[in-house]
Amino acid sequence: RGFLVAHDGVLAQLDAALVAECEMTHAEYEVLSHLAESDDHRLRMNELATLARLSPSGLTRRFDSLVRRGWVERERCDQDRRGVLAHLTAEGLARADAARPVHDRVVQAHFVDVLGTEDVAELGRLTTVLAEANDPSAAERVEGAEGEPAAQSPR
């Protein structure tokens, strides 16, 4: 229970700061950051839904909001005519880049500074064990975040 309360608290701080300073929610930032970190700033929509831990319809609603703002767009997949790619626009990349320092500052203040780097590393190890034990496909998503400072992870 404590983990869930702490998680919700950090996410509430992230959401408040991103809305106030960047005019986006944390959920929107998460979608933009996945695209910003991907090759050519593109991902298949189903892959993006998995990374963002959303159902396809949940991603569609979130994505449509970002499309209206001009931050993302849909593209047909050249290799699979049924496939749809999510593409981060230049404006979306600029927004993601501007939001990252806000995200990192809040995570540092409300997570890393509270626990300390050793405890953050241990918590990262423990949560990876839990993620992989409960979802074997989680290993791929967790591996994608390895090498980043632990402060990058509370998404």
Protein backbone atom coordinates (compact mmCIF):
# COMPACT_ATOMS: atom_id res chain seq x y z
CA ARG A 1 0.00 0.00 0.00
CA GLY A 2 2.84 2.36 0.85
CA PHE A 3 4.42 1.80 -2.57
CA LEU A 4 1.16 2.72 -4.33
CA VAL A 5 0.66 5.83 -2.20
CA ALA A 6 4.27 6.93 -2.82
CA HIS A 7 3.95 6.22 -6.56
CA ASP A 8 0.74 8.24 -6.78
CA GLY A 9 2.36 11.10 -4.85
CA VAL A 10 5.34 11.35 -7.19
CA LEU A 11 3.06 11.15 -10.24
CA ALA A 12 0.83 13.89 -8.81
CA GLN A 13 3.89 16.14 -8.39
CA LEU A 14 5.00 15.35 -11.96
CA ASP A 15 1.57 16.03 -13.38
CA ALA A 16 1.19 19.33 -11.53
CA ALA A 17 4.60 20.61 -12.64
CA LEU A 18 4.22 19.52 -16.26
CA VAL A 19 0.75 21.07 -16.54
CA ALA A 20 1.89 24.32 -14.93
CA GLU A 21 5.18 24.69 -16.79
CA CYS A 22 4.70 22.80 -20.06
CA GLU A 23 0.94 22.71 -20.65
CA MET A 24 0.89 18.91 -20.82
CA THR A 25 -0.04 16.13 -18.47
CA HIS A 26 2.41 13.51 -17.32
CA ALA A 27 0.48 10.96 -19.40
CA GLU A 28 1.00 13.10 -22.51
CA TYR A 29 4.66 13.57 -21.66
CA GLU A 30 5.08 9.81 -21.41
CA VAL A 31 3.80 9.29 -24.96
CA LEU A 32 6.00 12.09 -26.30
CA SER A 33 9.08 10.80 -24.47
CA HIS A 34 8.66 7.26 -25.84
CA LEU A 35 8.51 8.68 -29.35
CA ALA A 36 11.41 11.07 -28.71
CA GLU A 37 13.58 8.14 -27.61
CA SER A 38 12.65 5.91 -30.57
CA ASP A 39 14.39 5.57 -33.93
CA ASP A 40 13.25 8.30 -36.32
CA HIS A 41 10.78 9.40 -33.62
CA ARG A 42 8.36 6.72 -34.85
CA LEU A 43 6.76 3.67 -33.27
CA ARG A 44 3.98 1.35 -34.31
CA MET A 45 0.83 2.36 -32.46
CA ASN A 46 0.53 -1.06 -30.80
CA GLU A 47 4.14 -0.85 -29.59
CA LEU A 48 3.55 2.64 -28.22
CA ALA A 49 0.42 1.41 -26.40
CA THR A 50 2.47 -1.35 -24.77
CA LEU A 51 5.23 1.04 -23.73
CA ALA A 52 2.70 3.50 -22.28
CA ARG A 53 0.78 0.65 -20.61
CA LEU A 54 -2.44 1.60 -22.40
CA SER A 55 -5.13 -0.28 -24.23
CA PRO A 56 -5.33 0.48 -27.95
CA SER A 57 -8.45 2.59 -27.36
CA GLY A 58 -6.79 4.38 -24.43
CA LEU A 59 -3.82 5.26 -26.61
CA THR A 60 -6.13 6.42 -29.41
CA ARG A 61 -7.85 8.91 -27.09
CA ARG A 62 -4.56 10.22 -25.73
CA PHE A 63 -2.98 10.30 -29.19
CA ASP A 64 -5.92 12.17 -30.73
CA SER A 65 -5.44 14.93 -28.17
CA LEU A 66 -1.77 15.21 -29.13
CA VAL A 67 -2.64 15.19 -32.86
CA ARG A 68 -4.97 18.18 -32.33
CA ARG A 69 -2.08 20.05 -30.74
CA GLY A 70 0.21 19.25 -33.69
CA TRP A 71 2.69 17.31 -31.56
CA VAL A 72 2.20 13.89 -33.21
CA GLU A 73 0.76 12.44 -36.38
CA ARG A 74 -0.24 9.07 -37.77
CA GLU A 75 1.55 7.57 -40.74
CA ARG A 76 0.91 4.46 -42.79
CA CYS A 77 3.52 1.78 -42.35
CA ASP A 78 5.35 1.13 -45.64
CA GLN A 79 6.05 -2.52 -44.78
CA ASP A 80 2.53 -3.35 -43.63
CA ARG A 81 -0.33 -1.43 -45.20
CA ARG A 82 -2.57 -2.21 -42.23
CA GLY A 83 -0.01 -0.92 -39.75
CA VAL A 84 -0.06 2.61 -38.41
CA LEU A 85 2.96 4.46 -37.10
CA ALA A 86 2.93 7.16 -34.46
CA HIS A 87 5.29 9.96 -35.49
CA LEU A 88 6.54 12.78 -33.29
CA THR A 89 6.46 16.11 -35.13
CA ALA A 90 9.17 18.75 -34.82
CA GLU A 91 6.87 20.71 -32.49
CA GLY A 92 6.25 17.56 -30.42
CA LEU A 93 9.99 16.93 -30.15
CA ALA A 94 10.54 20.52 -29.03
CA ARG A 95 7.79 20.10 -26.41
CA ALA A 96 9.25 16.80 -25.18
CA ASP A 97 12.73 18.34 -24.97
CA ALA A 98 11.37 21.32 -23.02
CA ALA A 99 9.45 19.07 -20.63
CA ARG A 100 12.30 16.67 -19.86
CA PRO A 101 14.16 19.05 -17.48
CA VAL A 102 10.90 19.71 -15.62
CA HIS A 103 10.26 15.97 -15.35
CA ASP A 104 13.82 15.28 -14.22
CA ARG A 105 13.79 18.12 -11.67
CA VAL A 106 10.58 16.86 -10.05
CA VAL A 107 11.77 13.24 -9.99
CA GLN A 108 15.06 14.38 -8.47
CA ALA A 109 13.33 16.43 -5.76
CA HIS A 110 10.51 14.04 -4.87
CA PHE A 111 12.18 10.70 -5.46
CA VAL A 112 15.97 10.65 -5.70
CA ASP A 113 16.70 13.31 -3.08
CA VAL A 114 14.25 11.68 -0.67
CA LEU A 115 15.68 8.17 -1.02
CA GLY A 116 19.28 8.76 -2.00
CA THR A 117 21.07 7.17 -4.94
CA GLU A 118 21.81 3.82 -3.25
CA ASP A 119 18.17 3.30 -2.25
CA VAL A 120 16.98 4.39 -5.71
CA ALA A 121 19.31 1.81 -7.29
CA GLU A 122 18.03 -0.89 -4.93
CA LEU A 123 14.41 0.07 -5.56
CA GLY A 124 15.12 -0.09 -9.30
CA ARG A 125 16.52 -3.58 -8.90
CA LEU A 126 13.57 -4.72 -6.80
CA THR A 127 10.92 -3.27 -9.09
CA THR A 128 12.62 -4.86 -12.10
CA VAL A 129 12.45 -8.25 -10.37
CA LEU A 130 8.75 -7.69 -9.62
CA ALA A 131 8.00 -6.49 -13.15
CA GLU A 132 9.70 -9.46 -14.78
CA ALA A 133 8.11 -11.97 -12.37
CA ASN A 134 4.63 -10.68 -13.11
CA ASP A 135 5.03 -9.99 -16.83
CA PRO A 136 7.77 -11.77 -18.79
CA SER A 137 7.50 -9.22 -21.61
CA ALA A 138 8.34 -6.48 -19.07
CA ALA A 139 12.02 -7.42 -19.39
CA GLU A 140 12.15 -5.80 -22.83
CA ARG A 141 10.53 -2.59 -21.59
CA VAL A 142 12.77 -2.42 -18.51
CA GLU A 143 15.91 -3.11 -20.56
CA GLY A 144 15.09 -0.11 -22.73
CA ALA A 145 15.42 2.09 -19.65
CA GLU A 146 18.71 0.60 -18.45
CA GLY A 147 21.65 2.89 -18.61
CA GLU A 148 19.44 5.88 -17.83
CA PRO A 149 19.63 7.41 -14.39
CA ALA A 150 17.02 5.91 -12.09
CA ALA A 151 15.44 9.35 -11.91
CA GLN A 152 14.15 8.84 -15.47
CA SER A 153 11.84 5.95 -14.59
CA PRO A 154 8.76 6.97 -12.56
CA ARG A 155 6.53 7.22 -15.62
